[in-house]
Amino acid sequence: MDRALYVAMTGAIQTLRTQTANSHNLANASTVGFRAELIANTPQAVAGAGLPTRVNALAGGIGWDARSGALQQTGRDLDVAFAEDVWLAVQAPDGSEAYTKAGDLQIDVVGQLRTGAGHAVLGDGGPLAIPPHAQLLIGGDGTVSVVPQGNGANTLVAVGRLRTVVARPDQLERGGDGLMRARPGVSLATAPGTVLISGALESSNVSLPEAMVNMIALARQFELQTKLMRTVEQNDEAATSLLRMG
């Protein structure tokens, strides 16, 4: 009875945490370049003297879904979709270098190139700034070129190159801000050759049907765990009543 109570109690808590992660995935089903978070439950014995019968359920992240999202053609000059295992380098809020698949680029009021989430896009020499222009093109190798204002359409000037790196899923870890970072001790190489498709975006890899099924399954699992706790409570009351009668 004691063991059942601990399994049900900790299982219910971890189910809520798993539901939170699943809800986060659902909320980002339309976020450009988003990678779904993966969660799994494992049993864990409670450490300490006198606690051999207690077992906790522990929900832990087991990484993120490395599958690519679908490509969507937009025709917008600042939209780019990256090749498999190619990531765009951006400046994280803490100033460090981080990586993303979000290719919905924008130019802010001071001419700095940013992602749709507001992160500064890095070039080979730091944050990439775009001068006033009449037209902008991003080549397949990440080179950003513009037609300066007042010049003809055949006058292209390269203003920088997007910093892109090659990284396998096991070389990256997700941060609390949703950006990817290189694992400790891992050095990422610059991506060579054709690294992106211009005028397209990679959608989130969250499967809506799968996430909805998970949400329903987790809700039923939580209900089962709370029922088990009530059953243990009822059995405890019945045992106490029998002892009193005796």
C-alpha atoms as a PDB file:
ATOM      1  CA  MET A   1       0.000   0.000   0.000  1.00  0.00           C
ATOM      2  CA  ASP A   2       2.825   2.337   0.897  1.00  0.00           C
ATOM      3  CA  ARG A   3       4.603   1.579  -2.371  1.00  0.00           C
ATOM      4  CA  ALA A   4       1.410   2.067  -4.406  1.00  0.00           C
ATOM      5  CA  LEU A   5       0.832   5.471  -2.825  1.00  0.00           C
ATOM      6  CA  TYR A   6       4.302   6.695  -3.715  1.00  0.00           C
ATOM      7  CA  VAL A   7       4.098   5.377  -7.265  1.00  0.00           C
ATOM      8  CA  ALA A   8       0.713   7.053  -7.785  1.00  0.00           C
ATOM      9  CA  MET A   9       1.643  10.311  -6.051  1.00  0.00           C
ATOM     10  CA  THR A  10       4.956  10.888  -7.815  1.00  0.00           C
ATOM     11  CA  GLY A  11       3.546   9.554 -11.067  1.00  0.00           C
ATOM     12  CA  ALA A  12       0.771  12.135 -10.993  1.00  0.00           C
ATOM     13  CA  ILE A  13       3.283  14.940 -10.399  1.00  0.00           C
ATOM     14  CA  GLN A  14       5.508  13.807 -13.249  1.00  0.00           C
ATOM     15  CA  THR A  15       2.497  13.341 -15.534  1.00  0.00           C
ATOM     16  CA  LEU A  16       1.671  17.012 -15.002  1.00  0.00           C
ATOM     17  CA  ARG A  17       5.235  17.931 -15.911  1.00  0.00           C
ATOM     18  CA  THR A  18       5.071  15.787 -19.038  1.00  0.00           C
ATOM     19  CA  GLN A  19       1.755  17.402 -19.926  1.00  0.00           C
ATOM     20  CA  THR A  20       3.432  20.803 -19.568  1.00  0.00           C
ATOM     21  CA  ALA A  21       6.128  19.810 -22.063  1.00  0.00           C
ATOM     22  CA  ASN A  22       3.518  18.391 -24.444  1.00  0.00           C
ATOM     23  CA  SER A  23       1.478  21.602 -24.173  1.00  0.00           C
ATOM     24  CA  HIS A  24       4.634  23.583 -24.929  1.00  0.00           C
ATOM     25  CA  ASN A  25       5.097  21.519 -28.083  1.00  0.00           C
ATOM     26  CA  LEU A  26       1.479  22.118 -29.056  1.00  0.00           C
ATOM     27  CA  ALA A  27       1.846  25.865 -28.510  1.00  0.00           C
ATOM     28  CA  ASN A  28       4.819  25.898 -30.897  1.00  0.00           C
ATOM     29  CA  ALA A  29       3.245  23.811 -33.639  1.00  0.00           C
ATOM     30  CA  SER A  30       3.311  26.872 -35.902  1.00  0.00           C
ATOM     31  CA  THR A  31       6.682  28.256 -34.750  1.00  0.00           C
ATOM     32  CA  VAL A  32       9.219  28.376 -37.575  1.00  0.00           C
ATOM     33  CA  GLY A  33      12.027  25.838 -37.165  1.00  0.00           C
ATOM     34  CA  PHE A  34      10.822  24.570 -33.773  1.00  0.00           C
ATOM     35  CA  ARG A  35      11.997  21.147 -32.591  1.00  0.00           C
ATOM     36  CA  ALA A  36       9.680  19.163 -30.311  1.00  0.00           C
ATOM     37  CA  GLU A  37      10.876  18.302 -26.813  1.00  0.00           C
ATOM     38  CA  LEU A  38      10.951  14.618 -25.847  1.00  0.00           C
ATOM     39  CA  ILE A  39      10.052  13.470 -22.309  1.00  0.00           C
ATOM     40  CA  ALA A  40      10.077   9.989 -20.746  1.00  0.00           C
ATOM     41  CA  ASN A  41       9.208   8.597 -17.295  1.00  0.00           C
ATOM     42  CA  THR A  42      11.535   6.277 -15.384  1.00  0.00           C
ATOM     43  CA  PRO A  43      11.234   4.674 -11.911  1.00  0.00           C
ATOM     44  CA  GLN A  44      13.672   5.876  -9.274  1.00  0.00           C
ATOM     45  CA  ALA A  45      14.146   4.497  -5.776  1.00  0.00           C
ATOM     46  CA  VAL A  46      13.956   6.997  -2.915  1.00  0.00           C
ATOM     47  CA  ALA A  47      17.351   7.314  -1.237  1.00  0.00           C
ATOM     48  CA  GLY A  48      17.602   7.122   2.535  1.00  0.00           C
ATOM     49  CA  ALA A  49      17.428   4.716   5.434  1.00  0.00           C
ATOM     50  CA  GLY A  50      14.035   3.145   6.051  1.00  0.00           C
ATOM     51  CA  LEU A  51      12.696   3.903   2.584  1.00  0.00           C
ATOM     52  CA  PRO A  52      13.210   0.610   0.689  1.00  0.00           C
ATOM     53  CA  THR A  53       9.543   0.317  -0.263  1.00  0.00           C
ATOM     54  CA  ARG A  54       9.192   3.771  -1.820  1.00  0.00           C
ATOM     55  CA  VAL A  55       9.690   4.276  -5.542  1.00  0.00           C
ATOM     56  CA  ASN A  56       9.315   7.590  -7.327  1.00  0.00           C
ATOM     57  CA  ALA A  57       8.397   8.168 -10.936  1.00  0.00           C
ATOM     58  CA  LEU A  58      10.721  10.690 -12.578  1.00  0.00           C
ATOM     59  CA  ALA A  59       9.951  12.583 -15.797  1.00  0.00           C
ATOM     60  CA  GLY A  60      13.073  13.690 -17.577  1.00  0.00           C
ATOM     61  CA  GLY A  61      13.983  15.197 -20.887  1.00  0.00           C
ATOM     62  CA  ILE A  62      15.560  12.726 -23.273  1.00  0.00           C
ATOM     63  CA  GLY A  63      16.437  15.339 -25.864  1.00  0.00           C
ATOM     64  CA  TRP A  64      14.532  16.796 -28.774  1.00  0.00           C
ATOM     65  CA  ASP A  65      13.037  15.488 -31.982  1.00  0.00           C
ATOM     66  CA  ALA A  66      15.691  15.841 -34.698  1.00  0.00           C
ATOM     67  CA  ARG A  67      13.320  15.330 -37.611  1.00  0.00           C
ATOM     68  CA  SER A  68      13.097  18.201 -40.083  1.00  0.00           C
ATOM     69  CA  GLY A  69       9.896  20.161 -40.505  1.00  0.00           C
ATOM     70  CA  ALA A  70       8.100  20.637 -43.808  1.00  0.00           C
ATOM     71  CA  LEU A  71       9.350  23.280 -46.242  1.00  0.00           C
ATOM     72  CA  GLN A  72       6.972  26.108 -47.068  1.00  0.00           C
ATOM     73  CA  GLN A  73       7.582  28.334 -50.067  1.00  0.00           C
ATOM     74  CA  THR A  74       6.995  32.005 -49.198  1.00  0.00           C
ATOM     75  CA  GLY A  75       8.805  33.948 -51.924  1.00  0.00           C
ATOM     76  CA  ARG A  76       9.961  36.482 -49.322  1.00  0.00           C
ATOM     77  CA  ASP A  77      13.568  37.643 -49.766  1.00  0.00           C
ATOM     78  CA  LEU A  78      14.357  37.400 -46.039  1.00  0.00           C
ATOM     79  CA  ASP A  79      12.910  33.919 -45.522  1.00  0.00           C
ATOM     80  CA  VAL A  80      15.460  31.100 -45.594  1.00  0.00           C
ATOM     81  CA  ALA A  81      15.265  27.366 -44.910  1.00  0.00           C
ATOM     82  CA  PHE A  82      18.455  25.581 -43.886  1.00  0.00           C
ATOM     83  CA  ALA A  83      19.781  22.244 -45.096  1.00  0.00           C
ATOM     84  CA  GLU A  84      19.721  19.200 -42.832  1.00  0.00           C
ATOM     85  CA  ASP A  85      22.225  19.466 -39.969  1.00  0.00           C
ATOM     86  CA  VAL A  86      22.882  23.124 -40.866  1.00  0.00           C
ATOM     87  CA  TRP A  87      22.074  25.705 -38.176  1.00  0.00           C
ATOM     88  CA  LEU A  88      22.031  29.500 -38.153  1.00  0.00           C
ATOM     89  CA  ALA A  89      24.208  31.181 -35.535  1.00  0.00           C
ATOM     90  CA  VAL A  90      22.502  33.895 -33.486  1.00  0.00           C
ATOM     91  CA  GLN A  91      23.328  35.936 -30.398  1.00  0.00           C
ATOM     92  CA  ALA A  92      21.513  34.600 -27.332  1.00  0.00           C
ATOM     93  CA  PRO A  93      20.116  36.999 -24.684  1.00  0.00           C
ATOM     94  CA  ASP A  94      23.164  36.306 -22.503  1.00  0.00           C
ATOM     95  CA  GLY A  95      25.488  37.317 -25.342  1.00  0.00           C
ATOM     96  CA  SER A  96      26.671  33.787 -26.165  1.00  0.00           C
ATOM     97  CA  GLU A  97      26.499  32.117 -29.564  1.00  0.00           C
ATOM     98  CA  ALA A  98      23.490  29.888 -30.049  1.00  0.00           C
ATOM     99  CA  TYR A  99      21.861  28.120 -32.986  1.00  0.00           C
ATOM    100  CA  THR A 100      18.412  27.969 -34.508  1.00  0.00           C
ATOM    101  CA  LYS A 101      16.515  26.737 -37.553  1.00  0.00           C
ATOM    102  CA  ALA A 102      14.254  29.801 -37.538  1.00  0.00           C
ATOM    103  CA  GLY A 103      14.786  31.455 -40.904  1.00  0.00           C
ATOM    104  CA  ASP A 104      12.108  34.160 -40.683  1.00  0.00           C
ATOM    105  CA  LEU A 105      14.635  37.002 -40.764  1.00  0.00           C
ATOM    106  CA  GLN A 106      13.838  40.682 -40.293  1.00  0.00           C
ATOM    107  CA  ILE A 107      15.701  43.986 -40.343  1.00  0.00           C
ATOM    108  CA  ASP A 108      15.126  46.202 -37.300  1.00  0.00           C
ATOM    109  CA  VAL A 109      14.966  50.007 -37.227  1.00  0.00           C
ATOM    110  CA  VAL A 110      18.750  50.347 -36.923  1.00  0.00           C
ATOM    111  CA  GLY A 111      19.453  47.971 -39.799  1.00  0.00           C
ATOM    112  CA  GLN A 112      20.447  44.909 -37.775  1.00  0.00           C
ATOM    113  CA  LEU A 113      19.402  41.501 -39.097  1.00  0.00           C
ATOM    114  CA  ARG A 114      17.353  39.521 -36.569  1.00  0.00           C
ATOM    115  CA  THR A 115      15.234  36.388 -36.412  1.00  0.00           C
ATOM    116  CA  GLY A 116      11.485  36.623 -35.966  1.00  0.00           C
ATOM    117  CA  ALA A 117      12.045  36.010 -32.223  1.00  0.00           C
ATOM    118  CA  GLY A 118      14.346  39.041 -32.041  1.00  0.00           C
ATOM    119  CA  HIS A 119      17.747  37.331 -31.804  1.00  0.00           C
ATOM    120  CA  ALA A 120      20.587  39.086 -33.602  1.00  0.00           C
ATOM    121  CA  VAL A 121      21.833  37.080 -36.583  1.00  0.00           C
ATOM    122  CA  LEU A 122      25.580  36.528 -36.611  1.00  0.00           C
ATOM    123  CA  GLY A 123      27.826  36.900 -39.618  1.00  0.00           C
ATOM    124  CA  ASP A 124      31.469  35.945 -39.950  1.00  0.00           C
ATOM    125  CA  GLY A 125      32.483  39.010 -37.942  1.00  0.00           C
ATOM    126  CA  GLY A 126      29.651  39.370 -35.449  1.00  0.00           C
ATOM    127  CA  PRO A 127      26.058  40.668 -35.637  1.00  0.00           C
ATOM    128  CA  LEU A 128      25.124  41.346 -39.243  1.00  0.00           C
ATOM    129  CA  ALA A 129      24.004  44.880 -40.192  1.00  0.00           C
ATOM    130  CA  ILE A 130      22.211  45.678 -43.450  1.00  0.00           C
ATOM    131  CA  PRO A 131      22.676  49.136 -45.054  1.00  0.00           C
ATOM    132  CA  PRO A 132      19.786  51.000 -46.731  1.00  0.00           C
ATOM    133  CA  HIS A 133      18.958  49.211 -49.932  1.00  0.00           C
ATOM    134  CA  ALA A 134      16.507  48.873 -52.786  1.00  0.00           C
ATOM    135  CA  GLN A 135      16.703  45.099 -52.967  1.00  0.00           C
ATOM    136  CA  LEU A 136      18.159  42.289 -50.854  1.00  0.00           C
ATOM    137  CA  LEU A 137      19.207  38.788 -51.890  1.00  0.00           C
ATOM    138  CA  ILE A 138      20.487  35.865 -49.812  1.00  0.00           C
ATOM    139  CA  GLY A 139      22.508  33.340 -51.797  1.00  0.00           C
ATOM    140  CA  GLY A 140      22.543  29.605 -51.281  1.00  0.00           C
ATOM    141  CA  ASP A 141      25.900  29.837 -49.492  1.00  0.00           C
ATOM    142  CA  GLY A 142      24.489  32.387 -47.029  1.00  0.00           C
ATOM    143  CA  THR A 143      25.989  35.480 -48.669  1.00  0.00           C
ATOM    144  CA  VAL A 144      23.794  38.548 -48.152  1.00  0.00           C
ATOM    145  CA  SER A 145      23.874  41.007 -51.057  1.00  0.00           C
ATOM    146  CA  VAL A 146      21.997  44.252 -51.598  1.00  0.00           C
ATOM    147  CA  VAL A 147      21.291  46.704 -54.375  1.00  0.00           C
ATOM    148  CA  PRO A 148      22.182  50.060 -52.760  1.00  0.00           C
ATOM    149  CA  GLN A 149      19.605  52.789 -52.908  1.00  0.00           C
ATOM    150  CA  GLY A 150      19.912  54.857 -56.069  1.00  0.00           C
ATOM    151  CA  ASN A 151      21.711  52.111 -58.034  1.00  0.00           C
ATOM    152  CA  GLY A 152      20.527  49.890 -60.841  1.00  0.00           C
ATOM    153  CA  ALA A 153      19.163  46.389 -60.302  1.00  0.00           C
ATOM    154  CA  ASN A 154      22.367  44.865 -61.699  1.00  0.00           C
ATOM    155  CA  THR A 155      24.523  46.498 -58.994  1.00  0.00           C
ATOM    156  CA  LEU A 156      24.862  43.911 -56.241  1.00  0.00           C
ATOM    157  CA  VAL A 157      27.090  44.513 -53.241  1.00  0.00           C
ATOM    158  CA  ALA A 158      27.893  41.751 -50.746  1.00  0.00           C
ATOM    159  CA  VAL A 159      27.443  43.023 -47.181  1.00  0.00           C
ATOM    160  CA  GLY A 160      28.225  39.829 -45.275  1.00  0.00           C
ATOM    161  CA  ARG A 161      27.560  36.129 -44.928  1.00  0.00           C
ATOM    162  CA  LEU A 162      25.271  34.343 -42.498  1.00  0.00           C
ATOM    163  CA  ARG A 163      27.260  32.296 -40.004  1.00  0.00           C
ATOM    164  CA  THR A 164      26.033  28.733 -40.353  1.00  0.00           C
ATOM    165  CA  VAL A 165      27.448  25.624 -38.713  1.00  0.00           C
ATOM    166  CA  VAL A 166      27.153  21.892 -39.270  1.00  0.00           C
ATOM    167  CA  ALA A 167      25.882  20.079 -36.182  1.00  0.00           C
ATOM    168  CA  ARG A 168      24.512  16.598 -35.590  1.00  0.00           C
ATOM    169  CA  PRO A 169      21.709  16.213 -33.028  1.00  0.00           C
ATOM    170  CA  ASP A 170      24.071  14.617 -30.513  1.00  0.00           C
ATOM    171  CA  GLN A 171      26.331  17.690 -30.667  1.00  0.00           C
ATOM    172  CA  LEU A 172      23.631  20.118 -29.560  1.00  0.00           C
ATOM    173  CA  GLU A 173      21.601  20.667 -26.405  1.00  0.00           C
ATOM    174  CA  ARG A 174      18.512  22.821 -25.979  1.00  0.00           C
ATOM    175  CA  GLY A 175      18.698  25.784 -23.618  1.00  0.00           C
ATOM    176  CA  GLY A 176      15.913  27.162 -21.464  1.00  0.00           C
ATOM    177  CA  ASP A 177      15.419  29.963 -24.012  1.00  0.00           C
ATOM    178  CA  GLY A 178      14.635  27.426 -26.765  1.00  0.00           C
ATOM    179  CA  LEU A 179      17.933  27.975 -28.591  1.00  0.00           C
ATOM    180  CA  MET A 180      20.448  25.229 -29.261  1.00  0.00           C
ATOM    181  CA  ARG A 181      24.019  25.315 -28.005  1.00  0.00           C
ATOM    182  CA  ALA A 182      27.055  23.138 -28.586  1.00  0.00           C
ATOM    183  CA  ARG A 183      27.579  20.515 -25.901  1.00  0.00           C
ATOM    184  CA  PRO A 184      30.579  21.064 -23.640  1.00  0.00           C
ATOM    185  CA  GLY A 185      33.804  20.228 -25.429  1.00  0.00           C
ATOM    186  CA  VAL A 186      32.175  20.210 -28.882  1.00  0.00           C
ATOM    187  CA  SER A 187      33.498  22.564 -31.566  1.00  0.00           C
ATOM    188  CA  LEU A 188      31.183  23.133 -34.530  1.00  0.00           C
ATOM    189  CA  ALA A 189      32.573  23.668 -38.025  1.00  0.00           C
ATOM    190  CA  THR A 190      31.331  26.299 -40.452  1.00  0.00           C
ATOM    191  CA  ALA A 191      28.899  24.839 -42.976  1.00  0.00           C
ATOM    192  CA  PRO A 192      30.391  24.752 -46.491  1.00  0.00           C
ATOM    193  CA  GLY A 193      28.746  25.009 -49.904  1.00  0.00           C
ATOM    194  CA  THR A 194      25.009  25.442 -50.342  1.00  0.00           C
ATOM    195  CA  VAL A 195      23.508  25.778 -46.870  1.00  0.00           C
ATOM    196  CA  LEU A 196      20.051  27.240 -47.431  1.00  0.00           C
ATOM    197  CA  ILE A 197      17.094  27.796 -49.726  1.00  0.00           C
ATOM    198  CA  SER A 198      15.965  31.389 -50.100  1.00  0.00           C
ATOM    199  CA  GLY A 199      12.280  32.298 -50.190  1.00  0.00           C
ATOM    200  CA  ALA A 200      11.236  29.346 -48.016  1.00  0.00           C
ATOM    201  CA  LEU A 201      10.759  28.446 -44.354  1.00  0.00           C
ATOM    202  CA  GLU A 202      11.025  25.213 -42.409  1.00  0.00           C
ATOM    203  CA  SER A 203       7.941  24.673 -40.282  1.00  0.00           C
ATOM    204  CA  SER A 204       7.822  23.180 -36.799  1.00  0.00           C
ATOM    205  CA  ASN A 205       8.305  19.401 -36.646  1.00  0.00           C
ATOM    206  CA  VAL A 206       5.543  19.014 -34.032  1.00  0.00           C
ATOM    207  CA  SER A 207       2.929  16.510 -35.184  1.00  0.00           C
ATOM    208  CA  LEU A 208      -0.433  17.957 -34.140  1.00  0.00           C
ATOM    209  CA  PRO A 209      -2.298  14.592 -34.207  1.00  0.00           C
ATOM    210  CA  GLU A 210       0.445  12.931 -32.152  1.00  0.00           C
ATOM    211  CA  ALA A 211       0.571  15.786 -29.641  1.00  0.00           C
ATOM    212  CA  MET A 212      -3.219  15.767 -29.250  1.00  0.00           C
ATOM    213  CA  VAL A 213      -3.245  11.990 -28.673  1.00  0.00           C
ATOM    214  CA  ASN A 214      -0.474  12.419 -26.083  1.00  0.00           C
ATOM    215  CA  MET A 215      -2.485  15.122 -24.335  1.00  0.00           C
ATOM    216  CA  ILE A 216      -5.531  12.845 -24.029  1.00  0.00           C
ATOM    217  CA  ALA A 217      -3.425   9.865 -22.938  1.00  0.00           C
ATOM    218  CA  LEU A 218      -1.657  11.939 -20.263  1.00  0.00           C
ATOM    219  CA  ALA A 219      -4.984  13.256 -18.970  1.00  0.00           C
ATOM    220  CA  ARG A 220      -6.308   9.696 -18.599  1.00  0.00           C
ATOM    221  CA  GLN A 221      -3.061   8.602 -16.973  1.00  0.00           C
ATOM    222  CA  PHE A 222      -3.330  11.407 -14.411  1.00  0.00           C
ATOM    223  CA  GLU A 223      -6.933  10.435 -13.693  1.00  0.00           C
ATOM    224  CA  LEU A 224      -5.880   6.804 -13.141  1.00  0.00           C
ATOM    225  CA  GLN A 225      -3.116   7.862 -10.750  1.00  0.00           C
ATOM    226  CA  THR A 226      -5.438  10.034  -8.673  1.00  0.00           C
ATOM    227  CA  LYS A 227      -7.951   7.158  -8.520  1.00  0.00           C
ATOM    228  CA  LEU A 228      -5.192   4.889  -7.226  1.00  0.00           C
ATOM    229  CA  MET A 229      -4.387   7.393  -4.489  1.00  0.00           C
ATOM    230  CA  ARG A 230      -8.047   7.481  -3.449  1.00  0.00           C
ATOM    231  CA  THR A 231      -8.147   3.668  -3.450  1.00  0.00           C
ATOM    232  CA  VAL A 232      -5.079   3.512  -1.190  1.00  0.00           C
ATOM    233  CA  GLU A 233      -6.715   6.028   1.133  1.00  0.00           C
ATOM    234  CA  GLN A 234      -9.916   3.968   1.278  1.00  0.00           C
ATOM    235  CA  ASN A 235      -7.939   0.779   1.977  1.00  0.00           C
ATOM    236  CA  ASP A 236      -6.064   2.557   4.759  1.00  0.00           C
ATOM    237  CA  GLU A 237      -9.328   3.710   6.326  1.00  0.00           C
ATOM    238  CA  ALA A 238     -10.756   0.184   6.072  1.00  0.00           C
ATOM    239  CA  ALA A 239      -7.640  -1.299   7.728  1.00  0.00           C
ATOM    240  CA  THR A 240      -7.801   1.270  10.508  1.00  0.00           C
ATOM    241  CA  SER A 241     -11.472   0.472  11.094  1.00  0.00           C
ATOM    242  CA  LEU A 242     -10.719  -3.271  11.369  1.00  0.00           C
ATOM    243  CA  LEU A 243      -7.953  -2.586  13.901  1.00  0.00           C
ATOM    244  CA  ARG A 244     -10.325  -0.510  15.982  1.00  0.00           C
ATOM    245  CA  MET A 245     -12.901  -3.310  15.911  1.00  0.00           C
ATOM    246  CA  GLY A 246     -10.271  -5.756  17.056  1.00  0.00           C
END
